[in-house]
């Protein structure tokens, strides 16, 4: 992953050699957050002065994986204070439930609702 100056396209500086998606500058402008290709959140500090940009080595922000919605939907956003994030996380299920899938179809929902909670509040 690289950063570039805008609108000047002359310089480009490498941030990650393992790729990354959904880069986001911190609100205070001191760090750059991004999601790795294996859905971890990384952060790197940097200094920018004139035409110079120097990024620190990226570090893991959290060991918890983010939900994977592909390359079209971000799964995190930074809080204004830059110390917290809101993130979509994969559901945690016990190991024995992982292979079990089921779907519940509820037919005639409104009929059942009227039967259980009739108008006027009388059962």
N, C-alpha and C. Protein backbone atom coordinates (compact mmCIF):
# COMPACT_ATOMS: atom_id res chain seq x y z
N UNK A 1 0.85 -1.17 0.00
CA UNK A 1 0.00 0.00 0.00
C UNK A 1 0.90 1.23 0.00
N UNK A 2 0.50 2.25 -0.73
CA UNK A 2 1.28 3.46 -0.88
C UNK A 2 0.42 4.68 -0.58
N UNK A 3 1.07 5.80 -0.25
CA UNK A 3 0.39 7.10 -0.18
C UNK A 3 1.03 7.99 -1.23
N UNK A 4 0.24 8.95 -1.71
CA UNK A 4 0.71 9.91 -2.71
C UNK A 4 0.26 11.30 -2.29
N UNK A 5 1.00 12.28 -2.75
CA UNK A 5 0.58 13.66 -2.56
C UNK A 5 -0.58 13.95 -3.53
N UNK A 6 -1.46 14.85 -3.14
CA UNK A 6 -2.56 15.23 -4.02
C UNK A 6 -2.60 16.74 -4.11
N UNK A 7 -2.72 17.33 -5.25
CA UNK A 7 -2.91 16.74 -6.58
C UNK A 7 -1.60 16.35 -7.26
N UNK A 8 -0.46 16.71 -6.68
CA UNK A 8 0.83 16.37 -7.27
C UNK A 8 1.05 14.87 -7.20
N UNK A 9 1.24 14.22 -8.32
CA UNK A 9 1.39 12.76 -8.37
C UNK A 9 2.84 12.30 -8.49
N UNK A 10 3.81 13.18 -8.22
CA UNK A 10 5.21 12.83 -8.42
C UNK A 10 5.72 11.81 -7.40
N UNK A 11 5.47 12.02 -6.13
CA UNK A 11 6.02 11.13 -5.11
C UNK A 11 5.03 10.06 -4.69
N UNK A 12 5.58 8.92 -4.29
CA UNK A 12 4.74 7.86 -3.75
C UNK A 12 5.58 7.14 -2.71
N UNK A 13 4.97 6.90 -1.52
CA UNK A 13 5.70 6.32 -0.41
C UNK A 13 5.02 5.06 0.07
N UNK A 14 5.81 4.01 0.26
CA UNK A 14 5.26 2.71 0.66
C UNK A 14 4.93 2.71 2.14
N UNK A 15 3.73 2.22 2.45
CA UNK A 15 3.27 2.09 3.83
C UNK A 15 3.34 0.64 4.27
N UNK A 16 2.89 -0.27 3.41
CA UNK A 16 2.85 -1.70 3.73
C UNK A 16 3.30 -2.50 2.53
N UNK A 17 4.15 -3.49 2.77
CA UNK A 17 4.56 -4.35 1.66
C UNK A 17 3.68 -5.59 1.57
N UNK A 18 2.69 -5.71 2.46
CA UNK A 18 1.77 -6.85 2.44
C UNK A 18 0.37 -6.44 1.98
N UNK A 19 0.25 -5.26 1.42
CA UNK A 19 -1.04 -4.79 0.95
C UNK A 19 -1.87 -4.19 2.07
N UNK A 20 -3.01 -3.67 1.71
CA UNK A 20 -3.92 -3.08 2.69
C UNK A 20 -5.10 -2.46 1.98
N UNK A 21 -6.18 -2.29 2.71
CA UNK A 21 -7.39 -1.69 2.15
C UNK A 21 -7.96 -0.69 3.15
N UNK A 22 -8.83 0.15 2.67
CA UNK A 22 -9.57 1.13 3.48
C UNK A 22 -8.67 1.97 4.38
N UNK A 23 -7.68 2.66 3.79
CA UNK A 23 -6.85 3.53 4.62
C UNK A 23 -7.66 4.71 5.15
N UNK A 24 -7.36 5.13 6.37
CA UNK A 24 -8.06 6.26 6.96
C UNK A 24 -7.10 7.03 7.85
N UNK A 25 -6.99 8.34 7.60
CA UNK A 25 -6.14 9.20 8.42
C UNK A 25 -6.81 9.41 9.77
N UNK A 26 -6.03 9.43 10.82
CA UNK A 26 -6.59 9.75 12.14
C UNK A 26 -7.04 11.20 12.14
N UNK A 27 -7.96 11.53 13.03
CA UNK A 27 -8.51 12.88 13.08
C UNK A 27 -7.44 13.92 13.43
N UNK A 28 -6.45 13.51 14.23
CA UNK A 28 -5.39 14.45 14.60
C UNK A 28 -4.29 14.53 13.54
N UNK A 29 -4.39 13.70 12.50
CA UNK A 29 -3.44 13.76 11.40
C UNK A 29 -2.07 13.20 11.72
N UNK A 30 -1.95 12.34 12.72
CA UNK A 30 -0.64 11.80 13.09
C UNK A 30 -0.46 10.33 12.72
N UNK A 31 -1.57 9.65 12.38
CA UNK A 31 -1.48 8.22 12.09
C UNK A 31 -2.35 7.87 10.89
N UNK A 32 -2.01 6.73 10.29
CA UNK A 32 -2.79 6.18 9.19
C UNK A 32 -3.21 4.76 9.57
N UNK A 33 -4.51 4.50 9.53
CA UNK A 33 -5.06 3.18 9.84
C UNK A 33 -5.39 2.50 8.52
N UNK A 34 -5.31 1.17 8.49
CA UNK A 34 -5.74 0.41 7.32
C UNK A 34 -6.02 -1.03 7.71
N UNK A 35 -6.82 -1.69 6.88
CA UNK A 35 -7.16 -3.10 7.10
C UNK A 35 -6.23 -3.94 6.25
N UNK A 36 -5.67 -5.00 6.84
CA UNK A 36 -4.81 -5.90 6.08
C UNK A 36 -5.68 -6.83 5.24
N UNK A 37 -5.05 -7.54 4.33
CA UNK A 37 -5.78 -8.47 3.48
C UNK A 37 -6.33 -9.66 4.26
N UNK A 38 -5.78 -9.92 5.47
CA UNK A 38 -6.34 -10.98 6.32
C UNK A 38 -7.21 -10.39 7.44
N UNK A 39 -7.74 -9.17 7.23
CA UNK A 39 -8.76 -8.53 8.06
C UNK A 39 -8.31 -8.13 9.46
N UNK A 40 -7.06 -7.73 9.60
CA UNK A 40 -6.58 -7.16 10.86
C UNK A 40 -6.45 -5.65 10.69
N UNK A 41 -6.56 -4.91 11.77
CA UNK A 41 -6.45 -3.46 11.71
C UNK A 41 -5.03 -3.06 12.09
N UNK A 42 -4.40 -2.30 11.21
CA UNK A 42 -3.03 -1.83 11.42
C UNK A 42 -3.04 -0.32 11.53
N UNK A 43 -1.97 0.21 12.14
CA UNK A 43 -1.81 1.66 12.24
C UNK A 43 -0.32 1.97 12.09
N UNK A 44 -0.04 3.09 11.47
CA UNK A 44 1.34 3.55 11.36
C UNK A 44 1.39 5.05 11.60
N UNK A 45 2.39 5.46 12.34
CA UNK A 45 2.64 6.89 12.50
C UNK A 45 3.45 7.38 11.31
N UNK A 46 3.52 8.68 11.14
CA UNK A 46 4.28 9.23 10.02
C UNK A 46 4.64 10.68 10.31
N UNK A 47 5.60 11.16 9.56
CA UNK A 47 5.92 12.58 9.57
C UNK A 47 5.93 13.05 8.13
N UNK A 48 5.39 14.23 7.93
CA UNK A 48 5.36 14.83 6.60
C UNK A 48 5.86 16.26 6.73
N UNK A 49 6.83 16.60 5.91
CA UNK A 49 7.39 17.94 5.93
C UNK A 49 7.76 18.32 4.50
N UNK A 50 7.11 19.32 3.98
CA UNK A 50 7.38 19.73 2.59
C UNK A 50 7.08 18.59 1.63
N UNK A 51 8.06 18.21 0.83
CA UNK A 51 7.90 17.11 -0.12
C UNK A 51 8.34 15.78 0.47
N UNK A 52 8.57 15.73 1.76
CA UNK A 52 9.07 14.51 2.40
C UNK A 52 7.95 13.83 3.21
N UNK A 53 7.90 12.52 3.10
CA UNK A 53 6.94 11.72 3.87
C UNK A 53 7.68 10.49 4.38
N UNK A 54 7.67 10.29 5.69
CA UNK A 54 8.35 9.14 6.29
C UNK A 54 7.36 8.42 7.19
N UNK A 55 7.07 7.16 6.87
CA UNK A 55 6.13 6.36 7.66
C UNK A 55 6.91 5.45 8.60
N UNK A 56 6.38 5.29 9.82
CA UNK A 56 6.92 4.32 10.75
C UNK A 56 6.53 2.92 10.29
N UNK A 57 7.10 1.91 10.91
CA UNK A 57 6.72 0.53 10.60
C UNK A 57 5.28 0.32 11.10
N UNK A 58 4.38 -0.21 10.25
CA UNK A 58 3.01 -0.46 10.70
C UNK A 58 2.99 -1.43 11.88
N UNK A 59 2.05 -1.19 12.79
CA UNK A 59 1.89 -2.07 13.95
C UNK A 59 0.44 -2.51 14.06
N UNK A 60 0.25 -3.65 14.65
CA UNK A 60 -1.08 -4.22 14.84
C UNK A 60 -1.85 -3.38 15.86
N UNK A 61 -3.04 -2.92 15.51
CA UNK A 61 -3.85 -2.12 16.43
C UNK A 61 -4.64 -3.03 17.36
N UNK A 62 -5.08 -4.18 16.84
CA UNK A 62 -5.83 -5.16 17.63
C UNK A 62 -5.60 -6.55 17.05
N UNK A 63 -5.63 -7.54 17.92
CA UNK A 63 -5.47 -8.92 17.44
C UNK A 63 -6.79 -9.51 16.96
N UNK A 64 -7.90 -8.83 17.19
CA UNK A 64 -9.20 -9.31 16.74
C UNK A 64 -9.38 -9.02 15.25
N UNK A 65 -9.89 -10.00 14.53
CA UNK A 65 -10.13 -9.82 13.10
C UNK A 65 -11.43 -9.05 12.87
N UNK A 66 -11.42 -8.25 11.81
CA UNK A 66 -12.62 -7.52 11.39
C UNK A 66 -13.46 -8.41 10.48
N UNK A 67 -14.73 -8.09 10.37
CA UNK A 67 -15.60 -8.82 9.45
C UNK A 67 -15.12 -8.56 8.02
N UNK A 68 -15.27 -9.54 7.17
CA UNK A 68 -14.82 -9.44 5.79
C UNK A 68 -16.01 -9.26 4.86
N UNK A 69 -16.15 -8.05 4.31
CA UNK A 69 -17.20 -7.77 3.34
C UNK A 69 -16.61 -7.55 1.96
N UNK A 70 -15.40 -8.06 1.77
CA UNK A 70 -14.73 -7.89 0.48
C UNK A 70 -14.09 -6.53 0.37
N UNK A 71 -13.85 -6.12 -0.84
CA UNK A 71 -13.13 -4.87 -1.07
C UNK A 71 -14.05 -3.69 -1.33
N UNK A 72 -15.36 -3.86 -1.14
CA UNK A 72 -16.29 -2.77 -1.42
C UNK A 72 -16.84 -2.09 -0.18
N UNK A 73 -16.81 -2.77 0.97
CA UNK A 73 -17.44 -2.23 2.17
C UNK A 73 -16.44 -2.19 3.31
N UNK A 74 -16.17 -1.00 3.85
CA UNK A 74 -15.27 -0.94 5.00
C UNK A 74 -15.94 -1.55 6.23
N UNK A 75 -15.15 -2.12 7.12
CA UNK A 75 -15.73 -2.75 8.30
C UNK A 75 -15.31 -2.04 9.59
N UNK A 76 -14.77 -0.83 9.47
CA UNK A 76 -14.41 -0.07 10.67
C UNK A 76 -14.46 1.43 10.38
N UNK A 77 -14.52 2.21 11.45
CA UNK A 77 -14.43 3.66 11.36
C UNK A 77 -13.81 4.17 12.65
N UNK A 78 -13.09 5.25 12.57
CA UNK A 78 -12.41 5.81 13.73
C UNK A 78 -13.33 6.73 14.51
N UNK A 79 -13.20 6.69 15.83
CA UNK A 79 -13.89 7.65 16.69
C UNK A 79 -13.18 9.00 16.56
N UNK A 80 -13.88 10.09 16.81
CA UNK A 80 -13.24 11.40 16.69
C UNK A 80 -11.99 11.57 17.56
N UNK A 81 -11.92 10.89 18.70
CA UNK A 81 -10.75 11.03 19.57
C UNK A 81 -9.55 10.23 19.07
N UNK A 82 -9.74 9.35 18.07
CA UNK A 82 -8.66 8.58 17.50
C UNK A 82 -8.16 7.43 18.36
N UNK A 83 -8.77 7.23 19.53
CA UNK A 83 -8.33 6.15 20.42
C UNK A 83 -9.24 4.93 20.36
N UNK A 84 -10.39 5.07 19.76
CA UNK A 84 -11.33 3.97 19.66
C UNK A 84 -11.81 3.84 18.23
N UNK A 85 -12.33 2.65 17.92
CA UNK A 85 -12.93 2.42 16.62
C UNK A 85 -14.29 1.78 16.84
N UNK A 86 -15.12 1.87 15.83
CA UNK A 86 -16.33 1.07 15.76
C UNK A 86 -16.06 0.10 14.63
N UNK A 87 -16.34 -1.18 14.87
CA UNK A 87 -15.99 -2.19 13.88
C UNK A 87 -17.06 -3.26 13.80
N UNK A 88 -17.23 -3.79 12.60
CA UNK A 88 -18.06 -4.97 12.41
C UNK A 88 -17.16 -6.17 12.57
N UNK A 89 -17.55 -7.05 13.48
CA UNK A 89 -16.72 -8.22 13.80
C UNK A 89 -17.47 -9.47 13.39
N UNK A 90 -16.75 -10.54 13.04
CA UNK A 90 -17.44 -11.79 12.74
C UNK A 90 -18.09 -12.34 14.01
N UNK A 91 -19.20 -13.01 13.85
CA UNK A 91 -19.89 -13.61 14.99
C UNK A 91 -19.02 -14.70 15.60
N UNK A 92 -18.94 -14.70 16.92
CA UNK A 92 -18.18 -15.74 17.60
C UNK A 92 -19.14 -16.84 18.02
N UNK A 93 -18.87 -18.05 17.57
CA UNK A 93 -19.71 -19.18 17.90
C UNK A 93 -18.85 -20.29 18.48
N UNK A 94 -19.43 -21.10 19.37
CA UNK A 94 -18.67 -22.24 19.88
C UNK A 94 -18.31 -23.19 18.74
N UNK A 95 -17.19 -23.87 18.86
CA UNK A 95 -16.68 -24.75 17.80
C UNK A 95 -17.72 -25.77 17.33
N UNK A 96 -18.47 -26.38 18.25
CA UNK A 96 -19.40 -27.42 17.84
C UNK A 96 -20.56 -26.87 17.02
N UNK A 97 -20.82 -25.56 17.09
CA UNK A 97 -21.91 -24.97 16.31
C UNK A 97 -21.47 -24.48 14.94
N UNK A 98 -20.18 -24.40 14.70
CA UNK A 98 -19.70 -23.85 13.43
C UNK A 98 -20.20 -24.60 12.21
N UNK A 99 -20.28 -25.92 12.30
CA UNK A 99 -20.67 -26.70 11.12
C UNK A 99 -22.18 -26.81 10.98
N UNK A 100 -22.92 -26.41 11.98
CA UNK A 100 -24.37 -26.50 11.94
C UNK A 100 -24.97 -25.23 11.37
N UNK A 101 -25.76 -25.37 10.34
CA UNK A 101 -26.46 -24.24 9.76
C UNK A 101 -27.95 -24.51 9.79
N UNK A 102 -28.74 -23.49 10.07
CA UNK A 102 -30.19 -23.67 10.04
C UNK A 102 -30.84 -22.34 9.69
N UNK A 103 -32.02 -22.44 9.13
CA UNK A 103 -32.81 -21.28 8.76
C UNK A 103 -34.19 -21.46 9.36
N UNK A 104 -34.75 -20.41 9.91
CA UNK A 104 -36.10 -20.45 10.45
C UNK A 104 -36.98 -19.58 9.57
N UNK A 105 -38.03 -20.18 9.03
CA UNK A 105 -39.02 -19.45 8.25
C UNK A 105 -40.24 -19.23 9.13
N UNK A 106 -40.68 -18.01 9.24
CA UNK A 106 -41.86 -17.69 10.02
C UNK A 106 -42.94 -17.25 9.03
N UNK A 107 -43.95 -18.11 8.86
CA UNK A 107 -45.03 -17.81 7.94
C UNK A 107 -46.20 -17.24 8.71
N UNK A 108 -46.99 -16.45 8.05
CA UNK A 108 -48.19 -15.85 8.64
C UNK A 108 -47.87 -15.09 9.92
N UNK A 109 -46.84 -14.28 9.88
CA UNK A 109 -46.37 -13.55 11.05
C UNK A 109 -47.48 -12.71 11.67
N UNK A 110 -48.19 -11.93 10.85
CA UNK A 110 -49.21 -11.03 11.41
C UNK A 110 -50.40 -11.79 11.99
N UNK A 111 -50.76 -12.93 11.41
CA UNK A 111 -51.81 -13.76 12.01
C UNK A 111 -51.39 -14.24 13.40
N UNK A 112 -50.16 -14.70 13.51
CA UNK A 112 -49.65 -15.17 14.79
C UNK A 112 -49.56 -14.03 15.80
N UNK A 113 -49.15 -12.85 15.34
CA UNK A 113 -49.08 -11.68 16.22
C UNK A 113 -50.46 -11.29 16.73
N UNK A 114 -51.47 -11.30 15.85
CA UNK A 114 -52.84 -10.98 16.28
C UNK A 114 -53.37 -12.02 17.26
N UNK A 115 -53.01 -13.30 17.07
CA UNK A 115 -53.45 -14.35 17.99
C UNK A 115 -52.82 -14.16 19.36
N UNK A 116 -51.55 -13.78 19.40
CA UNK A 116 -50.85 -13.65 20.69
C UNK A 116 -51.10 -12.33 21.37
N UNK A 117 -51.35 -11.28 20.61
CA UNK A 117 -51.58 -9.95 21.20
C UNK A 117 -52.75 -9.30 20.48
N UNK A 118 -53.98 -9.71 20.83
CA UNK A 118 -55.15 -9.17 20.13
C UNK A 118 -55.31 -7.66 20.39
N UNK A 119 -56.02 -6.99 19.49
CA UNK A 119 -56.28 -5.56 19.63
C UNK A 119 -56.99 -5.33 20.96
N UNK A 120 -56.68 -4.26 21.63
CA UNK A 120 -57.30 -3.94 22.91
C UNK A 120 -56.55 -4.52 24.10
N UNK A 121 -55.50 -5.31 23.84
CA UNK A 121 -54.65 -5.81 24.90
C UNK A 121 -55.21 -6.95 25.71
N UNK A 122 -56.32 -7.62 25.27
CA UNK A 122 -56.88 -8.75 26.01
C UNK A 122 -56.41 -10.05 25.40
N UNK A 123 -56.06 -11.02 26.24
CA UNK A 123 -55.65 -12.35 25.77
C UNK A 123 -56.78 -13.31 25.80
